[in-house]
Protein backbone atom coordinates (compact mmCIF):
# COMPACT_ATOMS: atom_id res chain seq x y z
CA MET A 1 99.92 117.08 42.81
CA VAL A 2 96.74 115.45 44.07
CA VAL A 3 97.08 112.04 45.76
CA SER A 4 94.01 109.83 45.55
CA ILE A 5 92.49 108.61 48.81
CA GLU A 6 92.96 105.00 47.68
CA SER A 7 96.69 105.36 47.08
CA ALA A 8 97.19 107.43 50.25
CA LEU A 9 95.67 104.69 52.39
CA LYS A 10 97.51 101.85 50.71
CA LYS A 11 100.20 100.42 53.02
CA PRO A 12 102.59 97.51 52.60
CA GLU A 13 101.37 94.20 54.01
CA VAL A 14 103.64 93.63 57.00
CA TYR A 15 101.40 91.51 59.20
CA GLU A 16 100.40 87.90 58.93
CA SER A 17 97.38 87.25 61.11
CA ARG A 18 95.32 84.13 61.66
CA ARG A 19 92.23 83.34 63.59
CA ILE A 20 92.82 79.95 65.20
CA GLN A 21 90.26 77.51 66.55
CA LEU A 22 91.71 75.73 69.58
CA THR A 23 90.26 72.41 70.71
CA SER A 24 91.28 70.07 73.49
CA PRO A 25 89.81 66.98 75.17
CA LEU A 26 90.66 68.32 78.65
CA LEU A 27 92.46 71.40 79.90
CA HIS A 28 93.51 72.99 83.18
CA ILE A 29 95.50 76.20 83.44
CA GLY A 30 96.16 77.31 86.99
CA SER A 31 95.24 80.70 88.40
CA SER A 32 97.14 83.04 90.71
CA VAL A 33 95.39 81.21 93.58
CA SER A 34 96.90 77.73 93.75
CA ARG A 35 94.08 76.22 95.80
CA LEU A 36 90.76 77.24 97.31
CA ASN A 37 89.87 77.23 100.98
CA PRO A 38 86.90 75.06 102.03
CA PHE A 39 84.63 78.11 102.44
CA GLU A 40 85.36 79.29 98.88
CA TYR A 41 83.48 76.43 97.22
CA VAL A 42 80.50 74.24 98.01
CA GLN A 43 79.96 70.72 96.73
CA THR A 44 76.93 68.53 96.30
CA ALA A 45 76.76 64.99 94.95
CA LYS A 46 76.85 66.22 91.35
CA LYS A 47 78.13 69.80 91.28
CA VAL A 48 80.68 72.21 92.68
CA TYR A 49 79.73 75.86 93.24
CA LEU A 50 81.95 78.91 93.62
CA PRO A 51 79.87 81.62 95.32
CA ASN A 52 80.05 85.37 94.87
CA GLN A 53 81.42 85.84 98.36
CA GLU A 54 80.49 89.50 98.76
CA ALA A 55 76.91 88.84 97.66
CA LEU A 56 76.75 85.79 99.93
CA ALA A 57 77.88 87.78 102.96
CA LYS A 58 75.23 90.46 102.30
CA ALA A 59 72.50 87.84 101.84
CA LEU A 60 73.46 86.16 105.11
CA GLN A 61 73.41 89.53 106.87
CA GLN A 62 69.91 90.20 105.53
CA LYS A 63 68.78 86.86 106.96
CA GLY A 64 69.65 88.14 110.42
CA GLY A 65 70.45 86.00 113.44
CA ARG A 66 73.87 84.40 113.66
CA PHE A 67 74.19 83.54 109.96
CA LEU A 68 76.76 86.22 109.10
CA ASN A 69 78.76 85.58 112.28
CA ASP A 70 78.75 81.84 111.58
CA TYR A 71 79.97 82.57 108.04
CA ILE A 72 82.81 84.76 109.33
CA GLN A 73 83.76 82.03 111.80
CA ALA A 74 83.75 79.44 109.00
CA ILE A 75 86.13 81.66 107.02
CA GLU A 76 88.46 82.10 109.98
CA GLU A 77 88.49 78.37 110.68
CA GLN A 78 88.50 77.40 106.96
CA GLN A 79 85.39 75.25 107.34
CA ASP A 80 82.88 73.91 104.87
CA ILE A 81 79.76 76.12 104.60
CA SER A 82 77.23 73.74 103.03
CA ARG A 83 75.29 73.16 106.28
CA LEU A 84 75.18 76.90 106.96
CA LEU A 85 73.77 77.55 103.48
CA GLN A 86 71.03 74.98 103.95
CA GLN A 87 70.06 76.50 107.30
CA ALA A 88 69.97 80.02 105.86
CA PHE A 89 68.44 79.48 102.40
CA GLY A 90 66.86 76.02 102.46
CA LYS A 91 67.57 72.81 100.56
CA GLU A 92 67.89 74.56 97.20
CA TRP A 93 70.36 77.17 98.41
CA TRP A 94 72.10 77.23 95.01
CA ASP A 95 69.14 79.18 93.57
CA THR A 96 69.53 82.03 96.08
CA GLN A 97 69.65 85.56 94.64
CA ASP A 98 70.83 88.86 96.07
CA ALA A 99 68.63 91.93 96.59
CA ASN A 100 69.03 92.87 92.90
CA GLY A 101 67.98 89.47 91.62
CA ASN A 102 71.51 88.34 90.73
CA PRO A 103 72.46 84.74 91.53
CA ILE A 104 74.81 84.29 94.47
CA PHE A 105 76.02 81.12 92.79
CA PRO A 106 76.47 82.32 89.17
CA LYS A 107 76.15 79.80 86.39
CA ILE A 108 79.65 80.55 85.08
CA ALA A 109 81.08 79.35 88.41
CA ILE A 110 79.34 75.97 88.55
CA SER A 111 81.15 72.77 87.56
CA GLN A 112 80.00 69.20 87.07
CA LYS A 113 81.48 66.92 89.72
CA LEU A 114 83.25 63.98 88.05
CA THR A 115 83.98 62.06 91.21
CA GLU A 116 82.08 60.38 94.01
CA GLU A 117 84.90 61.23 96.41
CA ARG A 118 84.62 64.19 98.73
CA ILE A 119 86.62 67.01 97.18
CA THR A 120 89.49 68.43 99.16
CA ASP A 121 92.33 70.69 98.15
CA LEU A 122 90.49 72.13 95.12
CA ARG A 123 92.71 73.77 92.47
CA PRO A 124 90.84 76.48 90.50
CA MET A 125 91.32 77.25 86.83
CA ILE A 126 92.15 80.76 85.63
CA ARG A 127 89.30 83.19 84.90
CA ASN A 128 89.20 86.52 83.11
CA GLY A 129 88.00 89.81 84.57
CA MET A 130 84.38 88.90 83.83
CA GLY A 131 84.64 85.63 85.75
CA TYR A 132 84.72 83.35 82.71
CA LEU A 133 87.20 80.51 82.21
CA PHE A 134 89.65 81.26 79.39
CA ILE A 135 93.13 80.50 78.01
CA PRO A 136 95.60 83.36 78.42
CA GLY A 137 97.59 84.32 75.34
CA SER A 138 100.66 84.33 77.58
CA SER A 139 100.21 80.58 78.23
CA ILE A 140 100.07 79.85 74.50
CA LYS A 141 103.02 82.12 73.75
CA GLY A 142 105.06 80.58 76.56
CA ALA A 143 104.57 77.11 75.08
CA ILE A 144 105.54 78.44 71.64
CA ARG A 145 108.70 80.01 73.10
CA THR A 146 109.75 76.67 74.62
CA ALA A 147 109.11 74.92 71.28
CA ILE A 148 111.34 77.46 69.50
CA ALA A 149 114.13 77.05 72.07
CA TYR A 150 114.00 73.26 71.70
CA HIS A 151 114.07 73.57 67.90
CA LEU A 152 117.10 75.89 67.93
CA LEU A 153 119.05 73.54 70.18
CA LYS A 154 118.05 70.48 68.16
CA TYR A 155 119.44 71.98 64.93
CA PRO A 156 122.44 74.08 66.00
CA GLU A 157 124.26 73.89 62.65
CA ARG A 158 121.20 74.85 60.62
CA TYR A 159 120.66 78.03 62.65
CA LYS A 160 124.33 78.76 63.43
CA ILE A 161 123.85 78.59 67.20
CA PRO A 162 126.93 80.05 68.99
CA SER A 163 129.07 77.31 70.51
CA ALA A 164 128.55 78.63 74.05
CA ASN A 165 124.77 78.18 73.64
CA ARG A 166 124.75 74.63 72.34
CA VAL A 167 123.46 71.67 74.32
CA SER A 168 126.89 70.31 75.24
CA GLU A 169 127.98 73.62 76.76
CA ILE A 170 124.64 74.14 78.54
CA GLU A 171 124.89 70.65 80.05
CA LYS A 172 128.47 71.35 81.14
CA THR A 173 127.43 74.61 82.84
CA LEU A 174 124.46 72.98 84.56
CA ARG A 175 126.57 70.14 85.92
CA GLN A 176 129.04 72.65 87.33
CA ARG A 177 126.21 74.54 89.04
CA LEU A 178 124.05 71.68 90.31
CA GLY A 179 124.79 72.58 93.93
CA GLU A 180 123.61 76.15 93.44
CA LEU A 181 120.34 75.21 91.76
CA SER A 182 118.64 74.25 95.03
CA ASN A 183 118.10 78.00 95.43
CA LYS A 184 114.89 79.03 93.63
CA ASN A 185 116.33 82.44 92.73
CA THR A 186 119.34 80.80 91.12
CA GLN A 187 117.08 78.49 89.11
CA LYS A 188 115.19 81.48 87.73
CA PHE A 189 118.39 83.40 86.99
CA ASP A 190 119.92 80.50 85.06
CA ASP A 191 116.73 79.95 83.09
CA ASP A 192 116.44 83.65 82.21
CA LEU A 193 120.09 83.84 81.22
CA PHE A 194 119.80 80.82 78.95
CA MET A 195 116.58 82.00 77.29
CA GLU A 196 117.96 85.52 76.81
CA SER A 197 120.95 84.14 74.95
CA LEU A 198 118.63 82.52 72.41
CA PHE A 199 115.94 85.17 72.14
CA SER A 200 117.39 88.54 73.16
CA ASP A 201 121.04 88.53 72.08
CA PHE A 202 120.10 90.58 69.04
CA SER A 203 120.53 94.11 67.77
CA LEU A 204 117.44 95.89 66.55
CA THR A 205 117.61 98.44 63.72
CA TYR A 206 114.58 100.71 63.41
CA GLN A 207 114.35 103.95 61.43
CA GLY A 208 118.10 104.10 61.08
CA LYS A 209 118.76 103.63 64.81
CA ALA A 210 120.35 100.54 66.32
CA PHE A 211 119.37 99.16 69.72
CA PHE A 212 121.64 96.77 71.62
CA GLY A 213 121.69 94.84 74.88
CA ARG A 214 119.57 91.98 76.18
CA SER A 215 116.11 93.28 76.96
CA GLN A 216 112.48 92.99 75.95
CA ASN A 217 113.26 95.42 73.13
CA THR A 218 115.71 93.01 71.51
CA ASP A 219 113.68 89.82 72.07
CA PHE A 220 112.70 88.68 68.58
CA LEU A 221 109.40 87.24 69.85
CA ARG A 222 108.24 90.83 70.17
CA CYS A 223 107.10 90.30 66.61
CA LEU A 224 104.55 87.67 67.70
CA LYS A 225 101.28 88.64 69.33
CA VAL A 226 99.00 85.99 70.84
CA SER A 227 95.58 87.08 72.01
CA ASP A 228 93.71 85.62 74.94
CA SER A 229 91.16 83.04 73.91
CA GLU A 230 87.48 83.76 73.82
CA SER A 231 85.69 82.85 77.05
CA LEU A 232 85.08 79.14 77.52
CA VAL A 233 81.29 79.32 77.64
CA GLU A 234 79.43 76.05 78.03
CA SER A 235 77.25 75.20 75.03
CA LYS A 236 76.27 72.26 72.82
CA PHE A 237 77.55 71.16 69.44
CA ILE A 238 75.08 69.28 67.25
CA THR A 239 76.64 66.49 65.20
CA LYS A 240 75.56 65.59 61.66
CA LYS A 241 73.45 62.83 63.20
CA GLY A 242 71.67 65.37 65.39
CA GLN A 243 73.39 64.28 68.58
CA PRO A 244 74.14 67.12 71.04
CA ILE A 245 77.66 67.11 72.50
CA PRO A 246 78.59 69.53 75.30
CA ILE A 247 81.57 71.78 74.65
CA ASN A 248 83.51 73.89 77.15
CA LEU A 249 82.02 71.84 79.97
CA PRO A 250 83.45 72.91 83.36
CA VAL A 251 84.18 69.94 85.59
CA VAL A 252 85.92 69.15 88.85
CA ALA A 253 87.73 65.84 88.61
CA GLU A 254 90.09 63.69 90.60
CA VAL A 255 93.62 63.94 89.26
CA ILE A 256 95.84 60.95 89.98
CA VAL A 257 99.49 61.77 90.59
CA SER A 258 101.41 58.57 89.95
CA SER A 259 104.98 57.41 89.63
CA ARG A 260 106.57 53.96 89.50
CA PHE A 261 108.63 51.53 91.55
CA PRO A 262 112.09 50.48 90.31
CA ASP A 263 110.50 47.41 88.65
CA TYR A 264 108.13 49.75 86.70
CA ILE A 265 105.00 48.80 88.62
CA ALA A 266 102.79 51.89 88.94
CA LYS A 267 102.97 53.75 92.24
CA TYR A 268 100.19 55.94 93.66
CA LYS A 269 101.45 59.24 95.07
CA ALA A 270 98.41 61.49 95.64
CA SER A 271 95.02 62.67 94.46
CA ILE A 272 94.36 66.30 93.57
CA TYR A 273 90.98 67.80 92.74
CA ALA A 274 91.05 70.38 89.97
CA GLU A 275 88.66 72.59 88.06
CA MET A 276 89.00 71.74 84.36
CA VAL A 277 87.24 72.14 81.03
CA ARG A 278 86.11 69.16 78.94
CA ASN A 279 85.77 69.31 75.16
CA VAL A 280 87.38 72.73 74.85
CA GLN A 281 86.49 74.73 71.76
CA THR A 282 87.49 78.36 71.52
CA GLU A 283 89.29 80.86 69.30
CA PHE A 284 92.29 83.16 69.54
CA THR A 285 94.45 85.20 67.15
CA LEU A 286 98.10 84.76 66.16
CA THR A 287 99.70 87.84 64.59
CA LEU A 288 103.23 87.90 63.20
CA ASP A 289 104.80 91.27 62.34
CA THR A 290 106.99 90.15 59.45
CA GLU A 291 108.51 93.61 58.99
CA MET A 292 109.59 93.78 62.63
CA LEU A 293 111.07 90.30 62.30
CA SER A 294 113.45 91.64 59.66
CA TRP A 295 114.79 94.27 62.08
CA PHE A 296 116.52 91.70 64.30
CA LYS A 297 120.13 90.70 63.66
CA HIS A 298 121.91 88.31 66.02
CA LYS A 299 125.27 89.49 67.35
CA GLN A 300 126.95 86.19 66.39
CA GLY A 301 124.99 85.42 63.25
CA MET A 302 122.37 83.06 64.65
CA LYS A 303 119.35 82.68 62.37
CA ILE A 304 115.76 83.11 63.47
CA PRO A 305 114.13 79.73 62.71
CA PHE A 306 110.90 80.98 61.12
CA SER A 307 109.75 83.68 58.74
CA ASN A 308 106.01 83.00 58.69
CA LEU A 309 103.27 81.40 60.77
CA ASP A 310 103.32 78.11 58.87
CA GLU A 311 106.98 77.60 59.79
CA LEU A 312 106.29 78.62 63.38
CA LEU A 313 103.41 76.17 63.76
CA GLN A 314 105.55 73.39 62.28
CA ILE A 315 108.17 74.09 64.97
CA CYS A 316 105.43 73.67 67.58
CA GLN A 317 104.29 70.43 65.96
CA ASP A 318 107.83 69.00 65.98
CA PHE A 319 108.31 69.76 69.67
CA THR A 320 104.92 68.31 70.52
CA GLN A 321 105.77 65.14 68.59
CA LYS A 322 108.89 64.75 70.74
CA GLN A 323 106.79 65.05 73.91
CA TRP A 324 104.25 62.62 72.49
CA ASP A 325 106.91 59.99 71.74
CA TYR A 326 108.38 60.37 75.21
CA GLU A 327 105.00 59.94 76.89
CA HIS A 328 104.15 56.95 74.67
CA ASP A 329 107.33 55.19 75.75
CA TYR A 330 106.72 55.96 79.43
CA TRP A 331 103.21 54.51 79.49
CA GLN A 332 104.24 51.44 77.52
CA GLU A 333 106.78 50.61 80.23
CA ILE A 334 104.52 51.19 83.25
CA GLU A 335 102.67 48.15 84.62
CA ASN A 336 99.22 48.48 86.14
CA ASN A 337 98.87 48.17 89.90
CA PRO A 338 95.34 47.30 91.10
CA ARG A 339 96.35 47.51 94.77
CA ALA A 340 98.20 50.82 94.98
CA ALA A 341 97.27 52.36 98.34
CA GLY A 342 93.59 51.79 97.75
CA LYS A 343 93.64 52.92 94.10
CA ASN A 344 93.32 50.75 91.03
CA LEU A 345 96.10 52.09 88.84
CA ASP A 346 94.86 50.74 85.52
CA PHE A 347 96.40 52.84 82.72
CA ASN A 348 95.06 50.90 79.72
CA TYR A 349 93.02 53.92 78.53
CA ILE A 350 96.12 56.12 78.73
CA ARG A 351 98.12 53.65 76.66
CA GLU A 352 95.33 53.66 74.07
CA PHE A 353 95.43 57.46 73.99
CA TYR A 354 99.10 57.38 72.97
CA GLU A 355 98.76 54.58 70.39
CA ALA A 356 99.04 56.79 67.30
CA GLU A 357 102.60 57.19 66.04
CA LYS A 358 101.94 60.68 64.70
CA CYS A 359 100.90 63.16 67.35
CA PRO A 360 97.52 64.71 66.40
CA TYR A 361 98.12 67.81 68.55
CA VAL A 362 100.06 71.05 68.03
CA LEU A 363 100.91 72.10 71.60
CA ARG A 364 100.54 71.01 75.20
CA LEU A 365 99.32 73.65 77.64
CA GLY A 366 98.85 73.94 81.37
CA TRP A 367 98.64 70.93 83.65
CA GLY A 368 100.13 67.74 82.37
CA SER A 369 102.86 69.34 80.27
CA GLY A 370 105.27 69.24 83.19
CA MET A 371 109.03 69.36 82.81
CA THR A 372 109.03 67.96 79.26
CA GLY A 373 106.66 70.64 77.97
CA THR A 374 107.76 73.73 79.89
CA THR A 375 111.54 73.29 79.58
CA ILE A 376 114.03 72.14 76.96
CA GLY A 377 114.87 69.18 79.22
CA LEU A 378 114.31 66.69 76.39
CA CYS A 379 117.51 68.05 74.84
CA PHE A 380 119.52 66.76 77.82
CA ASP A 381 120.53 63.21 78.63
CA ASP A 382 118.38 61.26 81.10
CA LYS A 383 120.93 61.34 83.92
CA LEU A 384 121.30 65.13 83.93
CA ARG A 385 117.56 65.64 83.62
CA ALA A 386 117.03 63.37 86.64
CA GLU A 387 119.66 65.26 88.64
CA LEU A 388 118.07 68.59 87.77
CA ARG A 389 114.65 67.30 88.86
CA ASP A 390 116.13 66.07 92.15
CA ILE A 391 117.72 69.45 92.83
CA CYS A 392 114.75 71.59 91.76
CA GLY A 393 111.91 69.37 92.99
CA ILE A 394 111.22 66.37 95.19
CA LYS A 395 114.14 63.96 95.24
CA ALA A 396 113.67 60.54 93.66
CA PRO A 397 117.16 59.19 93.00
CA GLY A 398 117.57 56.87 90.07
CA PHE A 399 114.39 57.90 88.24
CA GLU A 400 114.31 59.81 84.97
CA ALA A 401 112.54 63.15 84.92
CA PRO A 402 109.72 63.95 85.04
CA LYS A 403 109.21 61.50 87.89
CA SER A 404 105.44 61.60 88.14
CA ARG A 405 102.46 61.99 85.82
CA ARG A 406 99.00 63.49 86.16
CA THR A 407 96.06 61.59 84.74
CA VAL A 408 92.35 62.18 85.28
CA MET A 409 89.59 59.83 86.41
CA ASN A 410 86.05 59.75 85.03
CA LEU A 411 82.87 59.41 87.06
CA ASN A 412 83.21 55.61 87.03
CA GLY A 413 86.59 55.76 88.74
CA GLU A 414 88.49 54.84 85.56
CA ILE A 415 91.77 56.60 84.73
CA LYS A 416 90.78 57.82 81.31
CA PHE A 417 92.04 61.31 80.49
CA VAL A 418 95.32 63.12 79.90
CA PRO A 419 95.17 66.91 80.25
CA GLY A 420 96.76 69.64 78.18
CA TRP A 421 96.93 68.46 74.55
CA VAL A 422 95.51 71.03 72.11
CA LYS A 423 94.80 71.19 68.37
CA PHE A 424 94.86 74.28 66.15
CA LYS A 425 92.70 74.86 63.07
CA THR A 426 93.05 77.98 60.95
CA LEU A 427 89.68 79.62 60.37
CA SER A 428 88.84 81.34 57.08
CA ASN A 429 88.81 85.13 57.21
């Protein structure tokens, strides 16, 4: 019997894959390095530069004299190197190239400076192996996982959640263990144990063989693959009116960390300077292995809450709406404070941002998402959530969690931006 090539290659459709366009007004996702030392960046009035440090050291050595020794001393003492650069390479030191003609201050490591303040304590954003800013697939998948966990706990009857894994029992366990949660290792253990019970307490049947036990093999989100985003390369988008708008614009901005007094007047806590991206526009791929999804059977009959990508994205949207409502209520209650430790805490722009009843975003990623976006804390009552935040973070008795917010100032010193909210748009194949 001869089998045609066409029929031999034909396979059942077991994957659902979508190319997604991700957009965001402002985004920061931290890197493995929480903050940069003063010698690792250089600032001018309008820009912030991250040098190729190896190339810079070689260029300073080629200049001779004490330049390299002064650079080493600056590193040891964690000093600013802007004066050294001007002495070695002149007033336009940012145009310096190495012996092969490569820029020591590469374009992909230059950010617009959105503050007139002198930058200290700079927090870098994550970069890929080529040095470009990007959004890791793991960050997107982590946010999706939290959305699924929240959804399961919100609808325990619909998905037949085991009684021991329902909100009331989780709250009871957490209250009993509040004293132990001051230990970071205990916090991680409890979180892992809880998440495993929802995602990994399954058996997996593949090719007639059954696999048991809580592990990565029996985690049903194995069936979901999320790619890293494309590099966030600065470019311009031309509107229908011919107006150019920058996209993927790297910036360093002042982030205001604020809280409130008991009478709800805004309280200034700190300023942080962070590398961010304005007007994010990039793409990534979501792939759901629908055949693999059918292999998972929960030991106590719990149902997996989605069977396709549309249902999964709706779960994300529902969780994001809950965060949106919570943030709307918070900012409506906070009163501006024009004399807060030298800062004018005017949050009118932030209140305007949250005016819409329906959240226009699908997820919240990176900075800004905080406790409400990275945990299922919104399932718990306010008192327990506040106690957990006191145990696991900085104590602030009597305040609901999260107890502070991060907002971003523009170049005019106005508190205008909220980081982390992202939209998804499915692109045609």
